[in-house]
Amino acid sequence: MTKRIIHWGFAGMTLAIWLAAFAEAAAVYVRVAPPRPVVERVIGRPSPAYSWVGGYYRWSGRAYVWVPGRWTLPPRPLAVWVAPHWDYVPARGSYVFVGGFWR
């Protein structure tokens, strides 16, 4: 029983470390600050059920590219969209992209 607990505890720790390393490797770091967001004109909500998901800049590998906003159906009632953004990371001297998500 004790060996089994130790085995699964070790497996869980290994998985957590691997996932943390993968998340760090998947992060996009850019030394150039993103431009100011584009001011979008929001028109015509398709229905009251839709929510506006604003546009954002993504990094193409060479430059920032604007991804336009859109109307979309939330995944569940009362869900709130948290917009994607770029955070400055002083230790790296770079900006890192933080993806948007539904809360």
N, C-alpha and C. Protein backbone atom coordinates (compact mmCIF):
# COMPACT_ATOMS: atom_id res chain seq x y z
N MET A 1 0.82 -1.19 0.00
CA MET A 1 0.00 0.00 0.00
C MET A 1 0.87 1.26 0.00
N THR A 2 1.87 1.30 0.88
CA THR A 2 2.74 2.47 0.97
C THR A 2 3.53 2.66 -0.33
N LYS A 3 4.00 1.55 -0.92
CA LYS A 3 4.74 1.64 -2.18
C LYS A 3 3.85 2.22 -3.28
N ARG A 4 2.60 1.82 -3.28
CA ARG A 4 1.66 2.30 -4.29
C ARG A 4 1.44 3.81 -4.13
N ILE A 5 1.29 4.28 -2.90
CA ILE A 5 1.10 5.72 -2.65
C ILE A 5 2.33 6.50 -3.08
N ILE A 6 3.50 6.00 -2.74
CA ILE A 6 4.75 6.66 -3.14
C ILE A 6 4.87 6.69 -4.66
N HIS A 7 4.54 5.57 -5.31
CA HIS A 7 4.60 5.48 -6.77
C HIS A 7 3.70 6.53 -7.42
N TRP A 8 2.43 6.60 -6.97
CA TRP A 8 1.49 7.56 -7.56
C TRP A 8 1.85 8.99 -7.20
N GLY A 9 2.39 9.20 -6.01
CA GLY A 9 2.85 10.55 -5.62
C GLY A 9 3.99 11.01 -6.53
N PHE A 10 4.94 10.11 -6.78
CA PHE A 10 6.06 10.42 -7.67
C PHE A 10 5.57 10.67 -9.10
N ALA A 11 4.64 9.82 -9.56
CA ALA A 11 4.08 9.99 -10.91
C ALA A 11 3.36 11.34 -11.03
N GLY A 12 2.61 11.72 -9.99
CA GLY A 12 1.91 13.00 -10.00
C GLY A 12 2.87 14.17 -10.03
N MET A 13 3.94 14.09 -9.23
CA MET A 13 4.95 15.17 -9.23
C MET A 13 5.63 15.27 -10.58
N THR A 14 5.97 14.14 -11.16
CA THR A 14 6.61 14.13 -12.47
C THR A 14 5.71 14.77 -13.52
N LEU A 15 4.44 14.43 -13.50
CA LEU A 15 3.49 15.01 -14.44
C LEU A 15 3.37 16.52 -14.24
N ALA A 16 3.31 16.98 -12.99
CA ALA A 16 3.20 18.41 -12.71
C ALA A 16 4.43 19.16 -13.22
N ILE A 17 5.61 18.61 -13.01
CA ILE A 17 6.84 19.24 -13.49
C ILE A 17 6.87 19.27 -15.01
N TRP A 18 6.46 18.19 -15.64
CA TRP A 18 6.43 18.13 -17.11
C TRP A 18 5.46 19.16 -17.67
N LEU A 19 4.27 19.26 -17.07
CA LEU A 19 3.28 20.23 -17.55
C LEU A 19 3.77 21.66 -17.36
N ALA A 20 4.42 21.95 -16.25
CA ALA A 20 4.96 23.29 -16.02
C ALA A 20 6.05 23.61 -17.05
N ALA A 21 6.90 22.65 -17.34
CA ALA A 21 7.95 22.86 -18.34
C ALA A 21 7.34 23.07 -19.73
N PHE A 22 6.30 22.30 -20.05
CA PHE A 22 5.64 22.44 -21.35
C PHE A 22 4.99 23.81 -21.47
N ALA A 23 4.33 24.27 -20.41
CA ALA A 23 3.68 25.58 -20.43
C ALA A 23 4.72 26.68 -20.64
N GLU A 24 5.88 26.55 -20.01
CA GLU A 24 6.95 27.54 -20.18
C GLU A 24 7.48 27.50 -21.60
N ALA A 25 7.64 26.31 -22.16
CA ALA A 25 8.15 26.18 -23.52
C ALA A 25 7.15 26.71 -24.53
N ALA A 26 5.85 26.59 -24.24
CA ALA A 26 4.81 27.04 -25.16
C ALA A 26 4.59 28.54 -25.10
N ALA A 27 5.12 29.20 -24.08
CA ALA A 27 4.94 30.64 -23.93
C ALA A 27 5.64 31.38 -25.08
N VAL A 28 5.03 32.48 -25.50
CA VAL A 28 5.61 33.30 -26.57
C VAL A 28 6.20 34.55 -25.93
N TYR A 29 7.53 34.71 -26.03
CA TYR A 29 8.21 35.88 -25.51
C TYR A 29 8.70 36.73 -26.66
N VAL A 30 8.47 38.05 -26.56
CA VAL A 30 8.84 38.98 -27.62
C VAL A 30 9.53 40.18 -26.97
N ARG A 31 10.67 40.58 -27.51
CA ARG A 31 11.41 41.70 -26.93
C ARG A 31 10.81 43.07 -27.29
N VAL A 32 10.04 43.12 -28.36
CA VAL A 32 9.44 44.38 -28.82
C VAL A 32 8.05 44.52 -28.20
N ALA A 33 7.76 45.70 -27.65
CA ALA A 33 6.45 45.94 -27.05
C ALA A 33 5.36 45.89 -28.12
N PRO A 34 4.18 45.39 -27.76
CA PRO A 34 3.08 45.37 -28.74
C PRO A 34 2.58 46.79 -29.02
N PRO A 35 2.05 47.02 -30.21
CA PRO A 35 1.48 48.34 -30.51
C PRO A 35 0.22 48.57 -29.67
N ARG A 36 -0.26 49.81 -29.70
CA ARG A 36 -1.53 50.10 -29.03
C ARG A 36 -2.64 49.32 -29.70
N PRO A 37 -3.61 48.85 -28.90
CA PRO A 37 -4.72 48.09 -29.51
C PRO A 37 -5.49 48.92 -30.54
N VAL A 38 -5.99 48.26 -31.53
CA VAL A 38 -6.82 48.89 -32.54
C VAL A 38 -8.18 49.19 -31.90
N VAL A 39 -8.71 50.38 -32.18
CA VAL A 39 -10.05 50.72 -31.70
C VAL A 39 -11.04 50.11 -32.68
N GLU A 40 -11.78 49.13 -32.21
CA GLU A 40 -12.71 48.41 -33.09
C GLU A 40 -14.11 49.00 -32.99
N ARG A 41 -14.80 49.00 -34.09
CA ARG A 41 -16.19 49.42 -34.12
C ARG A 41 -17.06 48.17 -33.96
N VAL A 42 -17.77 48.12 -32.84
CA VAL A 42 -18.60 46.95 -32.54
C VAL A 42 -20.00 47.22 -33.07
N ILE A 43 -20.44 46.37 -33.98
CA ILE A 43 -21.76 46.57 -34.58
C ILE A 43 -22.59 45.30 -34.51
N GLY A 44 -23.88 45.49 -34.53
CA GLY A 44 -24.85 44.42 -34.74
C GLY A 44 -24.71 43.14 -33.98
N ARG A 45 -25.06 43.12 -32.70
CA ARG A 45 -25.05 41.87 -31.94
C ARG A 45 -26.06 40.91 -32.58
N PRO A 46 -25.64 39.69 -32.92
CA PRO A 46 -26.54 38.73 -33.57
C PRO A 46 -27.78 38.40 -32.74
N SER A 47 -27.60 38.30 -31.42
CA SER A 47 -28.73 38.08 -30.51
C SER A 47 -28.24 38.42 -29.11
N PRO A 48 -29.14 38.60 -28.14
CA PRO A 48 -28.72 38.92 -26.77
C PRO A 48 -27.84 37.85 -26.13
N ALA A 49 -27.85 36.65 -26.66
CA ALA A 49 -27.05 35.57 -26.10
C ALA A 49 -25.55 35.71 -26.41
N TYR A 50 -25.20 36.51 -27.40
CA TYR A 50 -23.81 36.64 -27.84
C TYR A 50 -23.03 37.63 -26.97
N SER A 51 -21.73 37.40 -26.87
CA SER A 51 -20.81 38.30 -26.17
C SER A 51 -19.72 38.75 -27.15
N TRP A 52 -19.25 39.97 -26.96
CA TRP A 52 -18.16 40.50 -27.79
C TRP A 52 -16.83 40.05 -27.22
N VAL A 53 -16.00 39.46 -28.07
CA VAL A 53 -14.63 39.07 -27.73
C VAL A 53 -13.74 40.01 -28.54
N GLY A 54 -13.12 40.96 -27.85
CA GLY A 54 -12.33 41.98 -28.54
C GLY A 54 -11.08 41.44 -29.21
N GLY A 55 -10.59 42.21 -30.15
CA GLY A 55 -9.39 41.82 -30.88
C GLY A 55 -8.13 41.95 -30.03
N TYR A 56 -7.04 41.43 -30.55
CA TYR A 56 -5.76 41.46 -29.85
C TYR A 56 -4.63 41.28 -30.87
N TYR A 57 -3.41 41.58 -30.43
CA TYR A 57 -2.24 41.34 -31.27
C TYR A 57 -1.66 39.97 -30.95
N ARG A 58 -1.35 39.22 -32.00
CA ARG A 58 -0.59 37.97 -31.84
C ARG A 58 0.76 38.18 -32.50
N TRP A 59 1.72 37.38 -32.14
CA TRP A 59 3.06 37.46 -32.71
C TRP A 59 3.18 36.43 -33.83
N SER A 60 3.56 36.88 -35.02
CA SER A 60 3.65 35.98 -36.18
C SER A 60 5.01 35.28 -36.27
N GLY A 61 5.93 35.68 -35.43
CA GLY A 61 7.30 35.18 -35.53
C GLY A 61 8.23 36.27 -36.02
N ARG A 62 7.64 37.28 -36.67
CA ARG A 62 8.41 38.42 -37.17
C ARG A 62 7.81 39.77 -36.80
N ALA A 63 6.49 39.78 -36.59
CA ALA A 63 5.80 41.04 -36.31
C ALA A 63 4.48 40.75 -35.60
N TYR A 64 3.94 41.81 -34.99
CA TYR A 64 2.61 41.70 -34.39
C TYR A 64 1.56 41.77 -35.50
N VAL A 65 0.54 40.94 -35.37
CA VAL A 65 -0.55 40.90 -36.34
C VAL A 65 -1.85 41.05 -35.56
N TRP A 66 -2.72 41.96 -36.01
CA TRP A 66 -3.99 42.18 -35.34
C TRP A 66 -4.98 41.08 -35.67
N VAL A 67 -5.58 40.49 -34.64
CA VAL A 67 -6.65 39.50 -34.79
C VAL A 67 -7.94 40.24 -34.43
N PRO A 68 -8.85 40.43 -35.39
CA PRO A 68 -10.05 41.22 -35.11
C PRO A 68 -10.99 40.55 -34.11
N GLY A 69 -11.76 41.39 -33.40
CA GLY A 69 -12.74 40.90 -32.46
C GLY A 69 -13.93 40.28 -33.18
N ARG A 70 -14.79 39.63 -32.40
CA ARG A 70 -15.94 38.95 -33.01
C ARG A 70 -17.02 38.72 -31.96
N TRP A 71 -18.23 38.50 -32.43
CA TRP A 71 -19.32 38.08 -31.56
C TRP A 71 -19.25 36.56 -31.43
N THR A 72 -19.46 36.06 -30.23
CA THR A 72 -19.42 34.61 -30.02
C THR A 72 -20.38 34.22 -28.90
N LEU A 73 -20.79 32.98 -28.93
CA LEU A 73 -21.64 32.46 -27.86
C LEU A 73 -20.76 32.00 -26.70
N PRO A 74 -21.02 32.46 -25.49
CA PRO A 74 -20.25 31.98 -24.33
C PRO A 74 -20.47 30.48 -24.12
N PRO A 75 -19.52 29.82 -23.48
CA PRO A 75 -19.63 28.37 -23.28
C PRO A 75 -20.70 27.96 -22.27
N ARG A 76 -21.11 28.92 -21.42
CA ARG A 76 -22.13 28.64 -20.40
C ARG A 76 -22.79 29.96 -20.00
N PRO A 77 -23.96 29.91 -19.41
CA PRO A 77 -24.63 31.15 -18.98
C PRO A 77 -23.78 31.92 -17.96
N LEU A 78 -23.82 33.23 -18.05
CA LEU A 78 -23.12 34.14 -17.15
C LEU A 78 -21.60 34.09 -17.25
N ALA A 79 -21.05 33.42 -18.25
CA ALA A 79 -19.60 33.38 -18.43
C ALA A 79 -19.12 34.78 -18.84
N VAL A 80 -17.95 35.16 -18.37
CA VAL A 80 -17.36 36.47 -18.66
C VAL A 80 -16.03 36.25 -19.38
N TRP A 81 -15.81 36.96 -20.48
CA TRP A 81 -14.58 36.85 -21.25
C TRP A 81 -13.49 37.68 -20.60
N VAL A 82 -12.34 37.08 -20.35
CA VAL A 82 -11.16 37.78 -19.86
C VAL A 82 -10.24 37.91 -21.07
N ALA A 83 -10.00 39.14 -21.48
CA ALA A 83 -9.28 39.42 -22.73
C ALA A 83 -7.82 38.98 -22.68
N PRO A 84 -7.30 38.53 -23.83
CA PRO A 84 -5.86 38.22 -23.90
C PRO A 84 -5.06 39.52 -23.82
N HIS A 85 -3.82 39.40 -23.37
CA HIS A 85 -2.98 40.60 -23.25
C HIS A 85 -1.50 40.19 -23.21
N TRP A 86 -0.66 41.19 -23.30
CA TRP A 86 0.79 40.99 -23.23
C TRP A 86 1.28 41.56 -21.91
N ASP A 87 2.02 40.77 -21.13
CA ASP A 87 2.62 41.21 -19.87
C ASP A 87 4.12 41.36 -20.06
N TYR A 88 4.70 42.38 -19.42
CA TYR A 88 6.15 42.55 -19.46
C TYR A 88 6.78 41.70 -18.36
N VAL A 89 7.82 40.95 -18.73
CA VAL A 89 8.55 40.10 -17.78
C VAL A 89 9.96 40.68 -17.64
N PRO A 90 10.20 41.48 -16.56
CA PRO A 90 11.50 42.14 -16.40
C PRO A 90 12.69 41.18 -16.41
N ALA A 91 12.52 40.00 -15.80
CA ALA A 91 13.64 39.04 -15.73
C ALA A 91 14.10 38.60 -17.12
N ARG A 92 13.20 38.60 -18.09
CA ARG A 92 13.54 38.20 -19.46
C ARG A 92 13.73 39.41 -20.38
N GLY A 93 13.32 40.58 -19.91
CA GLY A 93 13.38 41.76 -20.77
C GLY A 93 12.48 41.60 -21.98
N SER A 94 11.36 40.90 -21.80
CA SER A 94 10.47 40.57 -22.91
C SER A 94 9.02 40.68 -22.48
N TYR A 95 8.16 40.59 -23.49
CA TYR A 95 6.72 40.54 -23.27
C TYR A 95 6.26 39.11 -23.51
N VAL A 96 5.31 38.65 -22.69
CA VAL A 96 4.78 37.30 -22.84
C VAL A 96 3.28 37.41 -23.08
N PHE A 97 2.80 36.58 -23.99
CA PHE A 97 1.38 36.59 -24.33
C PHE A 97 0.59 35.75 -23.32
N VAL A 98 -0.49 36.34 -22.81
CA VAL A 98 -1.40 35.65 -21.90
C VAL A 98 -2.73 35.53 -22.64
N GLY A 99 -3.08 34.31 -22.99
CA GLY A 99 -4.30 34.07 -23.78
C GLY A 99 -5.58 34.40 -23.03
N GLY A 100 -6.62 34.75 -23.79
CA GLY A 100 -7.92 35.02 -23.20
C GLY A 100 -8.61 33.73 -22.79
N PHE A 101 -9.59 33.86 -21.89
CA PHE A 101 -10.32 32.69 -21.44
C PHE A 101 -11.68 33.13 -20.88
N TRP A 102 -12.57 32.17 -20.78
CA TRP A 102 -13.89 32.40 -20.19
C TRP A 102 -13.81 32.10 -18.70
N ARG A 103 -14.35 33.02 -17.90
CA ARG A 103 -14.38 32.82 -16.45
C ARG A 103 -15.82 32.64 -16.03
